[in-house]
Protein backbone atom coordinates (compact mmCIF):
# COMPACT_ATOMS: atom_id res chain seq x y z
CA UNK A 1 -26.64 -14.31 9.30
CA UNK A 2 -23.94 -12.45 11.18
CA UNK A 3 -20.91 -14.03 12.85
CA UNK A 4 -22.22 -14.23 16.46
CA UNK A 5 -25.61 -15.61 15.34
CA UNK A 6 -23.98 -18.21 13.13
CA UNK A 7 -21.63 -19.35 15.90
CA UNK A 8 -24.59 -19.64 18.27
CA UNK A 9 -26.51 -21.78 15.76
CA UNK A 10 -23.54 -24.08 15.16
CA UNK A 11 -22.94 -24.57 18.87
CA UNK A 12 -26.63 -25.41 19.26
CA UNK A 13 -26.12 -28.05 16.51
CA UNK A 14 -28.65 -26.31 14.27
CA UNK A 15 -26.98 -27.33 11.00
CA UNK A 16 -27.78 -26.59 7.39
CA UNK A 17 -26.81 -29.01 4.58
CA UNK A 18 -24.36 -26.62 2.92
CA UNK A 19 -22.29 -23.62 4.00
CA UNK A 20 -20.18 -21.12 2.10
CA UNK A 21 -17.69 -19.18 4.21
CA UNK A 22 -15.97 -16.69 1.93
CA UNK A 23 -14.16 -13.35 2.03
CA UNK A 24 -11.00 -11.54 3.02
CA UNK A 25 -10.81 -12.10 6.78
CA UNK A 26 -9.60 -15.67 7.23
CA UNK A 27 -9.99 -15.52 11.03
CA UNK A 28 -13.80 -15.62 10.79
CA UNK A 29 -13.69 -18.49 8.28
CA UNK A 30 -11.32 -20.52 10.45
CA UNK A 31 -13.45 -19.95 13.54
CA UNK A 32 -16.67 -21.03 11.86
CA UNK A 33 -15.08 -24.04 10.20
CA UNK A 34 -13.64 -25.12 13.56
CA UNK A 35 -17.07 -24.84 15.19
CA UNK A 36 -18.70 -26.99 12.51
CA UNK A 37 -15.96 -29.59 12.92
CA UNK A 38 -16.30 -29.49 16.69
CA UNK A 39 -20.10 -29.80 16.94
CA UNK A 40 -21.30 -31.63 13.81
CA UNK A 41 -19.97 -35.01 14.88
CA UNK A 42 -19.03 -36.72 18.09
CA UNK A 43 -15.43 -37.90 18.36
CA UNK A 44 -16.26 -41.58 17.81
CA UNK A 45 -18.22 -40.71 14.65
CA UNK A 46 -15.42 -38.85 12.88
CA UNK A 47 -13.39 -41.83 11.67
CA UNK A 48 -16.09 -42.89 9.18
CA UNK A 49 -18.05 -39.68 8.68
CA UNK A 50 -15.57 -36.82 8.33
CA UNK A 51 -13.92 -35.93 5.01
CA UNK A 52 -11.49 -33.02 4.63
CA UNK A 53 -10.33 -32.01 1.14
CA UNK A 54 -8.23 -29.16 -0.27
CA UNK A 55 -9.21 -27.25 -3.37
CA UNK A 56 -5.86 -27.46 -5.13
CA UNK A 57 -5.84 -31.27 -4.98
CA UNK A 58 -9.53 -31.96 -5.48
CA UNK A 59 -12.05 -32.16 -8.33
CA UNK A 60 -15.73 -31.46 -7.88
CA UNK A 61 -16.78 -35.09 -8.46
CA UNK A 62 -14.75 -36.15 -5.43
CA UNK A 63 -16.69 -33.69 -3.27
CA UNK A 64 -20.03 -34.76 -4.76
CA UNK A 65 -19.25 -38.45 -4.25
CA UNK A 66 -18.24 -37.83 -0.62
CA UNK A 67 -21.29 -35.66 0.06
CA UNK A 68 -23.75 -38.16 -1.48
CA UNK A 69 -22.63 -41.03 0.74
CA UNK A 70 -24.80 -42.05 3.67
CA UNK A 71 -23.43 -41.58 7.18
CA UNK A 72 -22.25 -44.67 9.03
CA UNK A 73 -23.66 -45.16 12.52
CA UNK A 74 -24.31 -41.43 12.84
CA UNK A 75 -27.08 -38.95 12.07
CA UNK A 76 -24.97 -37.01 9.62
CA UNK A 77 -21.60 -36.83 7.94
CA UNK A 78 -19.30 -33.85 7.48
CA UNK A 79 -17.42 -32.82 4.33
CA UNK A 80 -15.10 -29.81 4.50
CA UNK A 81 -13.59 -28.28 1.36
CA UNK A 82 -10.72 -26.05 2.43
CA UNK A 83 -8.97 -23.49 0.21
CA UNK A 84 -11.90 -23.72 -2.21
CA UNK A 85 -10.62 -20.67 -4.09
CA UNK A 86 -7.89 -22.94 -5.53
CA UNK A 87 -10.31 -25.55 -6.91
CA UNK A 88 -10.52 -25.30 -10.70
CA UNK A 89 -13.85 -27.06 -10.99
CA UNK A 90 -15.52 -25.35 -8.03
CA UNK A 91 -18.38 -23.85 -10.02
CA UNK A 92 -19.43 -27.35 -11.09
CA UNK A 93 -20.65 -27.98 -7.56
CA UNK A 94 -23.70 -25.88 -8.51
CA UNK A 95 -25.83 -28.96 -9.30
CA UNK A 96 -25.10 -30.49 -5.90
CA UNK A 97 -25.78 -27.15 -4.19
CA UNK A 98 -29.20 -27.06 -5.90
CA UNK A 99 -30.16 -30.28 -4.12
CA UNK A 100 -27.75 -31.01 -1.25
CA UNK A 101 -27.97 -34.22 0.74
CA UNK A 102 -29.98 -33.72 3.97
CA UNK A 103 -27.69 -36.13 5.85
CA UNK A 104 -24.48 -34.26 4.94
CA UNK A 105 -23.04 -31.00 6.18
CA UNK A 106 -20.84 -29.61 3.39
CA UNK A 107 -18.60 -26.65 4.27
CA UNK A 108 -16.93 -24.66 1.49
CA UNK A 109 -14.17 -22.41 2.84
CA UNK A 110 -13.26 -19.83 0.19
CA UNK A 111 -10.50 -17.61 1.58
CA UNK A 112 -8.97 -14.21 0.75
CA UNK A 113 -11.70 -13.17 -1.69
CA UNK A 114 -15.43 -13.42 -2.25
CA UNK A 115 -17.14 -15.95 -4.45
CA UNK A 116 -18.97 -14.17 -7.26
CA UNK A 117 -22.54 -13.63 -6.09
CA UNK A 118 -23.88 -13.84 -9.65
CA UNK A 119 -22.84 -17.49 -10.11
CA UNK A 120 -25.33 -20.33 -9.90
CA UNK A 121 -23.19 -21.97 -7.23
CA UNK A 122 -23.50 -18.93 -4.95
CA UNK A 123 -27.25 -18.59 -5.57
CA UNK A 124 -27.90 -22.30 -4.98
CA UNK A 125 -25.95 -22.30 -1.72
CA UNK A 126 -27.82 -19.22 -0.53
CA UNK A 127 -31.16 -20.83 -1.41
CA UNK A 128 -30.45 -24.14 0.30
CA UNK A 129 -27.92 -23.34 3.01
CA UNK A 130 -25.96 -20.49 4.55
CA UNK A 131 -23.61 -17.95 3.01
CA UNK A 132 -21.36 -15.95 5.31
CA UNK A 133 -19.07 -13.21 4.00
CA UNK A 134 -15.98 -12.73 6.16
CA UNK A 135 -15.36 -9.02 5.72
CA UNK A 136 -12.06 -7.47 6.78
CA UNK A 137 -12.46 -4.92 9.56
CA UNK A 138 -11.55 -1.28 8.97
CA UNK A 139 -8.63 0.11 10.95
CA UNK A 140 -10.87 2.16 13.21
CA UNK A 141 -12.84 -0.95 14.25
CA UNK A 142 -9.79 -2.89 15.46
CA UNK A 143 -9.34 -1.31 18.94
CA UNK A 144 -12.96 -2.04 19.86
CA UNK A 145 -12.65 -5.57 18.48
CA UNK A 146 -9.57 -6.10 20.68
CA UNK A 147 -11.55 -4.86 23.70
CA UNK A 148 -14.40 -7.30 23.03
CA UNK A 149 -12.06 -10.21 22.35
CA UNK A 150 -10.33 -9.67 25.68
CA UNK A 151 -13.64 -9.27 27.52
CA UNK A 152 -14.64 -12.66 26.18
CA UNK A 153 -11.54 -14.07 27.85
CA UNK A 154 -12.22 -12.22 31.13
CA UNK A 155 -9.59 -9.47 30.68
CA UNK A 156 -9.80 -5.69 30.25
CA UNK A 157 -7.59 -3.29 28.33
CA UNK A 158 -7.26 0.47 28.55
CA UNK A 159 -7.89 2.65 25.51
CA UNK A 160 -4.29 3.64 24.91
CA UNK A 161 -3.12 0.02 25.05
CA UNK A 162 -5.79 -1.23 22.61
CA UNK A 163 -4.91 1.61 20.21
CA UNK A 164 -1.22 0.75 20.51
CA UNK A 165 -1.87 -2.92 19.72
CA UNK A 166 -4.07 -1.98 16.77
CA UNK A 167 -1.47 0.34 15.28
CA UNK A 168 1.33 -2.19 15.72
CA UNK A 169 -0.45 -5.40 14.67
CA UNK A 170 -2.51 -4.11 11.74
CA UNK A 171 -5.91 -5.52 10.72
CA UNK A 172 -5.24 -9.27 10.44
CA UNK A 173 -7.40 -10.76 13.18
CA UNK A 174 -5.46 -14.03 13.11
CA UNK A 175 -2.24 -12.15 13.86
CA UNK A 176 -3.94 -10.03 16.53
CA UNK A 177 -5.50 -12.98 18.36
CA UNK A 178 -2.23 -14.89 18.24
CA UNK A 179 -0.38 -11.99 19.90
CA UNK A 180 -3.15 -11.39 22.44
CA UNK A 181 -3.28 -15.07 23.39
CA UNK A 182 0.47 -15.00 24.01
CA UNK A 183 0.12 -11.74 25.91
CA UNK A 184 -2.38 -13.10 28.46
CA UNK A 185 -0.70 -16.45 29.14
CA UNK A 186 0.95 -15.15 32.32
CA UNK A 187 -1.80 -12.70 33.32
CA UNK A 188 -4.55 -13.47 35.80
CA UNK A 189 -8.16 -13.18 34.54
CA UNK A 190 -9.57 -9.79 35.48
CA UNK A 191 -6.28 -8.01 34.76
CA UNK A 192 -6.50 -4.66 32.99
CA UNK A 193 -3.88 -4.59 30.24
CA UNK A 194 -1.96 -1.31 30.07
CA UNK A 195 0.61 0.10 27.66
CA UNK A 196 3.33 -0.97 30.13
CA UNK A 197 2.14 -4.59 29.92
CA UNK A 198 1.96 -4.41 26.13
CA UNK A 199 5.47 -3.00 25.97
CA UNK A 200 6.85 -5.73 28.23
CA UNK A 201 4.98 -8.73 26.82
CA UNK A 202 4.66 -7.93 23.10
CA UNK A 203 7.87 -5.98 22.66
CA UNK A 204 6.18 -2.78 21.47
CA UNK A 205 7.68 0.37 22.88
CA UNK A 206 4.94 2.57 24.32
CA UNK A 207 7.07 5.62 23.48
CA UNK A 208 8.53 4.61 20.10
CA UNK A 209 5.96 3.19 17.70
CA UNK A 210 3.93 4.16 14.64
CA UNK A 211 1.13 5.54 16.81
CA UNK A 212 3.49 7.88 18.69
CA UNK A 213 5.23 8.92 15.45
CA UNK A 214 1.99 10.04 13.84
CA UNK A 215 1.12 11.99 16.99
CA UNK A 216 4.56 13.67 17.01
CA UNK A 217 4.14 14.68 13.36
CA UNK A 218 0.55 15.82 13.92
CA UNK A 219 1.61 17.96 16.87
CA UNK A 220 4.63 19.21 14.89
CA UNK A 221 6.93 17.98 17.65
CA UNK A 222 10.23 17.90 15.71
CA UNK A 223 12.35 16.65 18.61
CA UNK A 224 10.06 13.74 19.49
CA UNK A 225 9.63 12.75 15.84
CA UNK A 226 13.42 12.67 15.41
CA UNK A 227 13.83 10.47 18.49
CA UNK A 228 11.28 7.97 17.19
CA UNK A 229 12.92 7.89 13.75
CA UNK A 230 16.27 7.19 15.43
CA UNK A 231 14.66 4.39 17.44
CA UNK A 232 13.33 2.83 14.22
CA UNK A 233 16.80 3.14 12.70
CA UNK A 234 18.23 1.11 15.59
CA UNK A 235 15.25 -1.31 15.53
CA UNK A 236 14.27 -1.73 11.84
CA UNK A 237 11.58 -4.36 12.50
CA UNK A 238 9.72 -1.95 14.80
CA UNK A 239 8.90 0.50 12.02
CA UNK A 240 8.99 -0.83 8.44
CA UNK A 241 8.29 1.99 6.00
CA UNK A 242 5.20 0.44 4.29
CA UNK A 243 3.57 0.08 7.71
CA UNK A 244 4.45 3.68 8.65
CA UNK A 245 3.13 5.17 5.40
CA UNK A 246 -0.10 3.16 5.74
CA UNK A 247 -0.53 4.27 9.35
CA UNK A 248 0.10 7.93 8.45
CA UNK A 249 -2.29 7.77 5.49
CA UNK A 250 -5.11 6.49 7.71
CA UNK A 251 -4.27 9.09 10.35
CA UNK A 252 -4.30 12.08 8.00
CA UNK A 253 -7.41 10.77 6.23
CA UNK A 254 -9.21 11.06 9.56
CA UNK A 255 -7.66 14.49 10.14
CA UNK A 256 -8.99 15.62 6.74
CA UNK A 257 -12.49 14.43 7.68
CA UNK A 258 -12.22 16.40 10.94
CA UNK A 259 -11.20 19.55 9.01
CA UNK A 260 -14.24 19.22 6.73
CA UNK A 261 -16.55 18.55 9.69
CA UNK A 262 -15.30 21.55 11.65
CA UNK A 263 -15.80 23.76 8.58
CA UNK A 264 -19.44 22.64 8.54
CA UNK A 265 -19.73 23.44 12.27
CA UNK A 266 -20.51 19.82 13.10
CA UNK A 267 -20.48 19.21 16.85
CA UNK A 268 -17.44 17.42 18.27
CA UNK A 269 -19.57 14.56 19.53
CA UNK A 270 -21.23 14.02 16.16
CA UNK A 271 -17.98 14.49 14.26
CA UNK A 272 -16.16 11.93 16.42
CA UNK A 273 -18.92 9.47 15.57
CA UNK A 274 -18.77 10.27 11.85
CA UNK A 275 -14.99 9.99 11.64
CA UNK A 276 -15.10 6.88 13.85
CA UNK A 277 -12.46 8.24 16.20
CA UNK A 278 -12.55 7.29 19.85
CA UNK A 279 -13.72 10.38 21.80
CA UNK A 280 -10.73 9.78 24.08
CA UNK A 281 -8.44 10.87 21.21
CA UNK A 282 -10.70 13.37 19.46
CA UNK A 283 -9.27 16.60 20.91
CA UNK A 284 -5.89 15.56 19.55
CA UNK A 285 -7.37 15.37 16.04
CA UNK A 286 -8.80 18.88 16.43
CA UNK A 287 -5.32 20.17 17.31
CA UNK A 288 -3.75 18.35 14.36
CA UNK A 289 -6.43 19.80 12.08
CA UNK A 290 -5.22 23.26 13.11
CA UNK A 291 -1.57 22.29 12.59
CA UNK A 292 -2.30 20.88 9.14
CA UNK A 293 -5.09 23.02 7.66
CA UNK A 294 -6.92 22.04 4.51
CA UNK A 295 -4.54 23.90 2.20
CA UNK A 296 -1.66 21.69 3.38
CA UNK A 297 -3.40 18.33 3.05
CA UNK A 298 -2.73 17.77 -0.69
CA UNK A 299 0.99 18.12 0.03
CA UNK A 300 0.75 15.62 2.90
CA UNK A 301 -1.00 12.98 0.79
CA UNK A 302 1.35 13.56 -2.13
CA UNK A 303 4.34 12.86 0.13
CA UNK A 304 2.76 9.73 1.56
CA UNK A 305 2.05 8.38 -1.93
CA UNK A 306 5.58 9.22 -3.05
CA UNK A 307 7.28 7.44 -0.16
CA UNK A 308 4.90 4.50 -0.25
CA UNK A 309 6.00 3.91 -3.84
CA UNK A 310 9.64 4.43 -2.91
CA UNK A 311 9.34 1.85 -0.13
CA UNK A 312 8.20 -0.62 -2.80
CA UNK A 313 11.09 0.21 -5.13
CA UNK A 314 9.03 2.26 -7.60
CA UNK A 315 11.53 5.08 -8.00
CA UNK A 316 14.60 5.54 -10.16
CA UNK A 317 16.43 7.52 -7.45
CA UNK A 318 16.09 4.82 -4.79
CA UNK A 319 19.54 3.28 -5.32
CA UNK A 320 21.70 3.50 -2.22
CA UNK A 321 18.88 4.58 0.10
CA UNK A 322 17.53 2.21 2.70
CA UNK A 323 14.18 2.40 4.46
CA UNK A 324 15.70 4.30 7.40
CA UNK A 325 16.89 7.15 5.21
CA UNK A 326 13.58 7.25 3.36
CA UNK A 327 11.65 7.40 6.64
CA UNK A 328 13.88 10.21 7.87
CA UNK A 329 13.28 12.13 4.63
CA UNK A 330 9.53 11.56 4.79
CA UNK A 331 9.21 12.79 8.37
CA UNK A 332 11.39 15.84 7.70
CA UNK A 333 9.33 16.78 4.62
CA UNK A 334 5.99 16.23 6.39
CA UNK A 335 7.03 18.51 9.22
CA UNK A 336 8.03 21.13 6.64
CA UNK A 337 4.68 21.10 4.84
């Protein structure tokens, strides 16, 4: 069951006796857990019928005992096991999962990683309840996700602004939604969010950010790249080196795919779809592919790997060099490739 379908079922109070929410993207897990908690019980039923436990402080018998109780003055009871990945005896819930109580809704929230699908616990939950894997979204999916999230709140956002937010905020949906919710507090529903609004409300410069730096390098615009590097030097939090190297790696990975596609004479429309680049930005990638032909790409990736390691202290020559100097070096060397 996918995320929208599962949310719809929970809000319709169509409950299963046991749920496993597991995976890397904690936002999805938190949202589903909150929906179960909101709709499984009425407020006056929660005092006697809601149990919340944490994996680090809980043994499996405590969960089994809670789940086997009968509800008091309610149709069901709710047991939520949070941070299940920290529970040492988690796998011993397999016997309960093989025959869960029909009057209990047990939610197992297993964050940051998947539960092994070959375990009996996983198989028993899947056979008798619902398993939902909260997969992290790829970078190229984030702008569209931002668009849909804002539409759900009755706002619009232009393509450049959604791309800017995606580049600046990364792939953590919890972080993204937190920033977006703060962004729209003072905006009227129906507003179209632009880069100017993002710059003012979130504190991202529309002219000096990781997105603009990668464009300046891709277009071989030495002057603009130098200005952005100087901005990051004056505002270190705006452009930490690990974020920049990650952004550039994703950018040039897409450029490399475009180079290969053009060599195969793939149409622009089809290639944009394959590379998962918004058609709005695709012509830019074609230009960058000419500026950095295939023969130069190994040098680009080698530099990005080198400076990613340096940013993490994996280099004997790092002493005395801060992130600003390393970023300046990286940009200079990329433009010289």
